[in-house]
Amino acid sequence: RRLTLAVLPTCLTLGNGVCGMAAIAVAVSVNLEWDHSTKLLVAGVLIFVGMMFDALDGSAARMTGQESEFGAQLDSLCDAITFGAAPAVIVWRLNTVQVLPNKLLWAIGVLFALCVLIRLARFNVETGEEDSHETFEGLPSPAAAGTLAAFAIAMPELMAYQNDAAYPVYIQEFATAVLGGSQYFIAALALTLAYLMVSRFEYPHVARQLLRGRRSPHQIGQAMFVVIGALVLHWLALPIAFCYYAFGSPIRTLIRRWRHRDESEPAAAA
């Protein structure tokens, strides 16, 4: 059988893979005349550019009527690079002052990448053509990678708060404390995100809902909160927004289960 390539969707998908490879190259480069935080910032931005390509390739395939099994498989392979390997490298490279053993961080990064592979394979197997794609089972790998990339992007902002005398002393001390504990937090965050990707918690497909014009008052309030946070906190709003998406659904699900259990126990006792 001859394989006919859909040019536009394929180029967008490959652009995602290129961004992932570029993020890895920048993060580990020894030839670029940038400081360490700038390299990680650029790597994080490249992951976000890869997310844009990943969001556009499916839409382009549907609009042009060029959806295919080949495109779906190629998309997963590029996702494995951009949302699996590249964030793992960022986790390794964030260990600037050797707070944690390198072997431990290596294991955490590998576990994160493996969970991305499991998440992608499960999505390909369990998602049929009739699926509405309104929700996901398990944290989507782009959201998990974006959460780690958001922290890499926000690090220079925290360093500016720490070193700039124009800010009050309590803000400088807070930034210093956050930066000091960031490596422990990033390692724990990567482990938690890895678990959420292979979990069965239900997550909304925000991009699909927005493109289809389905905006509830709750979503509009969330969007306004993000905009105001971006104006006040600048880049620091990015990791907050991604953490809200990553942890909001599991927390709400656990609260509903806890309430349902408490309601069912008196009924069973009666």
Protein backbone atom coordinates (compact mmCIF):
# COMPACT_ATOMS: atom_id res chain seq x y z
CA ARG A 1 0.00 0.00 0.00
CA ARG A 2 1.25 3.46 -0.85
CA LEU A 3 1.12 6.06 1.88
CA THR A 4 -0.12 9.52 0.92
CA LEU A 5 1.11 12.23 3.27
CA ALA A 6 -1.08 15.14 4.31
CA VAL A 7 1.35 17.99 3.83
CA LEU A 8 0.05 20.69 6.21
CA PRO A 9 -0.86 18.46 9.20
CA THR A 10 2.37 16.48 8.78
CA CYS A 11 4.49 19.63 8.73
CA LEU A 12 2.78 20.91 11.87
CA THR A 13 3.30 17.57 13.62
CA LEU A 14 6.96 17.50 12.63
CA GLY A 15 7.28 21.09 13.87
CA ASN A 16 6.25 19.76 17.28
CA GLY A 17 9.06 17.19 17.16
CA VAL A 18 11.59 19.80 16.03
CA CYS A 19 10.67 22.00 19.00
CA GLY A 20 11.24 19.08 21.35
CA MET A 21 14.65 18.31 19.90
CA ALA A 22 15.58 22.00 19.99
CA ALA A 23 14.50 22.24 23.65
CA ILE A 24 16.79 19.33 24.54
CA ALA A 25 19.68 20.80 22.53
CA VAL A 26 19.37 24.20 24.20
CA ALA A 27 19.03 22.76 27.71
CA VAL A 28 22.22 20.69 27.46
CA SER A 29 24.24 23.03 25.22
CA VAL A 30 27.73 24.05 26.30
CA ASN A 31 28.36 26.30 23.29
CA LEU A 32 25.59 28.84 23.75
CA GLU A 33 26.75 31.97 25.56
CA TRP A 34 23.71 32.06 27.83
CA ASP A 35 23.50 31.53 31.55
CA HIS A 36 21.89 28.39 32.90
CA SER A 37 18.50 29.94 33.69
CA THR A 38 18.24 31.47 30.20
CA LYS A 39 18.86 28.09 28.58
CA LEU A 40 16.11 26.52 30.65
CA LEU A 41 13.77 29.42 29.87
CA VAL A 42 14.32 29.01 26.12
CA ALA A 43 13.86 25.23 26.45
CA GLY A 44 10.56 25.82 28.27
CA VAL A 45 9.40 28.28 25.60
CA LEU A 46 10.22 25.73 22.88
CA ILE A 47 8.06 23.15 24.66
CA PHE A 48 5.19 25.65 24.61
CA VAL A 49 5.75 26.26 20.89
CA GLY A 50 5.59 22.49 20.44
CA MET A 51 2.25 22.53 22.30
CA MET A 52 0.95 25.07 19.79
CA PHE A 53 1.98 22.83 16.87
CA ASP A 54 0.38 19.85 18.64
CA ALA A 55 -2.89 21.76 19.03
CA LEU A 56 -2.91 22.92 15.41
CA ASP A 57 -2.03 19.71 13.57
CA GLY A 58 -5.21 17.87 14.55
CA SER A 59 -7.38 20.87 13.71
CA ALA A 60 -5.64 21.24 10.35
CA ALA A 61 -6.18 17.55 9.58
CA ARG A 62 -9.89 17.77 10.40
CA MET A 63 -10.42 21.01 8.47
CA THR A 64 -8.72 19.64 5.35
CA GLY A 65 -10.27 16.17 5.66
CA GLN A 66 -6.82 14.57 5.94
CA GLU A 67 -7.16 12.64 9.19
CA SER A 68 -5.29 9.34 9.06
CA GLU A 69 -3.81 6.61 11.25
CA PHE A 70 -0.36 7.66 10.03
CA GLY A 71 -0.89 11.19 11.35
CA ALA A 72 -2.09 9.89 14.71
CA GLN A 73 0.96 7.67 15.13
CA LEU A 74 3.37 10.39 14.00
CA ASP A 75 1.74 12.80 16.44
CA SER A 76 2.37 10.40 19.33
CA LEU A 77 6.01 9.91 18.34
CA CYS A 78 6.62 13.66 18.25
CA ASP A 79 4.75 14.07 21.54
CA ALA A 80 7.08 11.53 23.12
CA ILE A 81 10.02 13.80 22.26
CA THR A 82 8.54 17.18 23.15
CA PHE A 83 6.41 16.20 26.14
CA GLY A 84 8.42 13.22 27.40
CA ALA A 85 12.14 13.55 26.74
CA ALA A 86 12.45 17.35 26.80
CA PRO A 87 10.76 17.87 30.23
CA ALA A 88 12.87 15.03 31.66
CA VAL A 89 16.01 16.88 30.54
CA ILE A 90 14.71 20.07 32.16
CA VAL A 91 14.23 18.17 35.44
CA TRP A 92 17.83 16.97 35.24
CA ARG A 93 19.23 20.40 34.36
CA LEU A 94 17.38 22.19 37.18
CA ASN A 95 19.73 20.53 39.68
CA THR A 96 22.22 23.40 39.50
CA VAL A 97 23.68 23.25 43.01
CA GLN A 98 23.52 19.46 43.49
CA VAL A 99 20.83 19.61 46.16
CA LEU A 100 19.55 16.16 45.17
CA PRO A 101 21.63 13.19 43.99
CA ASN A 102 21.97 13.06 40.22
CA LYS A 103 20.94 9.40 40.16
CA LEU A 104 17.68 10.24 41.91
CA LEU A 105 16.87 13.03 39.45
CA TRP A 106 17.83 10.78 36.56
CA ALA A 107 15.39 8.14 37.81
CA ILE A 108 12.63 10.74 38.25
CA GLY A 109 13.16 12.08 34.73
CA VAL A 110 13.13 8.58 33.24
CA LEU A 111 9.95 7.70 35.16
CA PHE A 112 8.27 10.86 33.88
CA ALA A 113 9.21 10.05 30.28
CA LEU A 114 8.02 6.44 30.64
CA CYS A 115 4.66 7.58 32.00
CA VAL A 116 4.32 9.88 28.99
CA LEU A 117 4.87 6.87 26.72
CA ILE A 118 2.26 4.85 28.64
CA ARG A 119 -0.17 7.77 28.52
CA LEU A 120 0.24 8.19 24.75
CA ALA A 121 -0.05 4.45 24.03
CA ARG A 122 -3.17 4.17 26.19
CA PHE A 123 -4.74 7.16 24.45
CA ASN A 124 -4.11 5.63 21.01
CA VAL A 125 -5.57 2.27 22.02
CA GLU A 126 -8.60 3.45 23.98
CA THR A 127 -9.69 6.42 21.84
CA GLY A 128 -12.02 5.54 18.97
CA GLU A 129 -13.10 7.55 15.96
CA GLU A 130 -16.48 8.26 17.55
CA ASP A 131 -14.89 9.79 20.66
CA SER A 132 -15.95 13.42 21.18
CA HIS A 133 -12.59 14.38 22.74
CA GLU A 134 -14.38 16.60 25.25
CA THR A 135 -12.50 15.04 28.18
CA PHE A 136 -9.34 13.01 28.86
CA GLU A 137 -8.76 10.10 31.20
CA GLY A 138 -5.53 10.99 32.94
CA LEU A 139 -3.56 14.21 32.73
CA PRO A 140 -2.68 14.94 29.08
CA SER A 141 1.06 14.76 28.41
CA PRO A 142 1.20 18.32 26.94
CA ALA A 143 -0.28 19.70 30.18
CA ALA A 144 2.21 17.73 32.30
CA ALA A 145 5.13 18.92 30.18
CA GLY A 146 3.77 22.46 30.16
CA THR A 147 3.64 22.48 33.97
CA LEU A 148 7.35 21.69 34.23
CA ALA A 149 8.20 24.08 31.39
CA ALA A 150 6.22 26.84 33.11
CA PHE A 151 8.44 26.58 36.18
CA ALA A 152 11.56 26.76 34.00
CA ILE A 153 10.17 29.92 32.38
CA ALA A 154 9.29 31.49 35.75
CA MET A 155 12.73 30.94 37.33
CA PRO A 156 14.35 34.12 35.89
CA GLU A 157 11.39 36.14 37.21
CA LEU A 158 12.00 34.77 40.70
CA MET A 159 15.70 35.55 40.41
CA ALA A 160 14.83 39.12 39.49
CA TYR A 161 12.69 39.40 42.65
CA GLN A 162 15.57 37.96 44.66
CA ASN A 163 18.33 40.23 43.37
CA ASP A 164 16.58 43.50 42.55
CA ALA A 165 16.82 46.00 45.42
CA ALA A 166 13.74 47.80 44.10
CA TYR A 167 11.55 45.10 45.63
CA PRO A 168 10.77 45.05 49.39
CA VAL A 169 12.87 42.87 51.63
CA TYR A 170 10.06 40.42 52.36
CA ILE A 171 9.60 39.78 48.62
CA GLN A 172 13.33 39.17 48.21
CA GLU A 173 13.31 36.76 51.15
CA PHE A 174 10.27 34.96 49.80
CA ALA A 175 11.90 34.58 46.36
CA THR A 176 15.08 33.28 47.99
CA ALA A 177 13.13 30.70 49.99
CA VAL A 178 11.18 29.57 46.90
CA LEU A 179 14.33 29.24 44.82
CA GLY A 180 16.05 27.33 47.62
CA GLY A 181 13.29 24.76 47.79
CA SER A 182 12.51 24.70 44.08
CA GLN A 183 14.64 21.66 43.29
CA TYR A 184 12.87 19.55 45.91
CA PHE A 185 9.53 20.84 44.67
CA ILE A 186 10.28 20.22 40.97
CA ALA A 187 11.35 16.64 41.69
CA ALA A 188 8.18 15.97 43.69
CA LEU A 189 6.09 17.72 41.05
CA ALA A 190 7.53 15.56 38.26
CA LEU A 191 6.68 12.40 40.22
CA THR A 192 3.14 13.61 40.90
CA LEU A 193 2.56 14.58 37.28
CA ALA A 194 3.85 11.18 36.16
CA TYR A 195 1.24 9.49 38.37
CA LEU A 196 -1.57 11.79 37.20
CA MET A 197 -0.82 10.98 33.55
CA VAL A 198 -1.42 7.25 34.07
CA SER A 199 -4.34 7.79 36.46
CA ARG A 200 -8.03 7.66 35.56
CA PHE A 201 -8.91 11.16 36.73
CA GLU A 202 -11.04 13.01 34.18
CA TYR A 203 -9.69 16.26 32.70
CA PRO A 204 -11.53 18.68 30.41
CA HIS A 205 -10.27 19.33 26.90
CA VAL A 206 -10.04 23.10 27.36
CA ALA A 207 -8.81 23.95 23.86
CA ARG A 208 -11.54 21.90 22.17
CA GLN A 209 -14.28 23.44 24.32
CA LEU A 210 -13.06 26.97 23.63
CA LEU A 211 -12.77 26.36 19.88
CA ARG A 212 -16.33 25.05 19.81
CA GLY A 213 -17.58 28.14 21.64
CA ARG A 214 -18.66 26.31 24.80
CA ARG A 215 -17.85 28.67 27.60
CA SER A 216 -19.57 28.24 30.94
CA PRO A 217 -19.62 31.08 33.51
CA HIS A 218 -17.15 29.03 35.54
CA GLN A 219 -14.70 28.92 32.63
CA ILE A 220 -15.11 32.64 31.97
CA GLY A 221 -14.29 33.33 35.62
CA GLN A 222 -11.21 31.13 35.38
CA ALA A 223 -10.08 32.96 32.22
CA MET A 224 -10.48 36.34 33.94
CA PHE A 225 -8.50 35.05 36.92
CA VAL A 226 -5.67 33.95 34.60
CA VAL A 227 -5.60 37.31 32.81
CA ILE A 228 -5.53 39.28 36.06
CA GLY A 229 -2.87 36.96 37.47
CA ALA A 230 -0.73 37.44 34.37
CA LEU A 231 -0.98 41.21 34.71
CA VAL A 232 0.01 41.12 38.39
CA LEU A 233 2.45 38.20 38.58
CA HIS A 234 3.77 38.19 35.01
CA TRP A 235 5.46 34.85 34.22
CA LEU A 236 4.76 33.52 37.71
CA ALA A 237 1.09 33.19 36.73
CA LEU A 238 2.02 30.50 34.20
CA PRO A 239 2.99 27.72 36.65
CA ILE A 240 0.06 28.64 38.90
CA ALA A 241 -2.40 28.23 36.01
CA PHE A 242 -0.92 24.89 34.94
CA CYS A 243 -0.87 23.56 38.48
CA TYR A 244 -4.51 24.56 38.83
CA TYR A 245 -5.37 22.49 35.76
CA ALA A 246 -3.18 19.53 36.77
CA PHE A 247 -4.42 19.30 40.37
CA GLY A 248 -7.89 20.83 40.16
CA SER A 249 -9.65 17.82 38.64
CA PRO A 250 -8.14 15.21 41.02
CA ILE A 251 -8.91 17.35 44.06
CA ARG A 252 -12.52 17.90 42.98
CA THR A 253 -12.92 14.17 42.24
CA LEU A 254 -11.54 13.15 45.64
CA ILE A 255 -13.79 15.67 47.41
CA ARG A 256 -16.86 14.29 45.59
CA ARG A 257 -15.90 10.74 46.53
CA TRP A 258 -15.36 11.74 50.16
CA ARG A 259 -18.74 13.48 50.31
CA HIS A 260 -20.48 10.55 48.63
CA ARG A 261 -18.90 8.14 51.13
CA ASP A 262 -19.99 10.28 54.08
CA GLU A 263 -23.54 10.46 52.69
CA SER A 264 -23.73 6.72 52.04
CA GLU A 265 -22.44 5.65 55.49
CA PRO A 266 -25.43 7.06 57.49
CA ALA A 267 -27.83 5.48 54.99
CA ALA A 268 -26.12 2.10 55.36
CA ALA A 269 -26.21 2.41 59.16
CA ALA A 270 -29.93 3.19 59.10
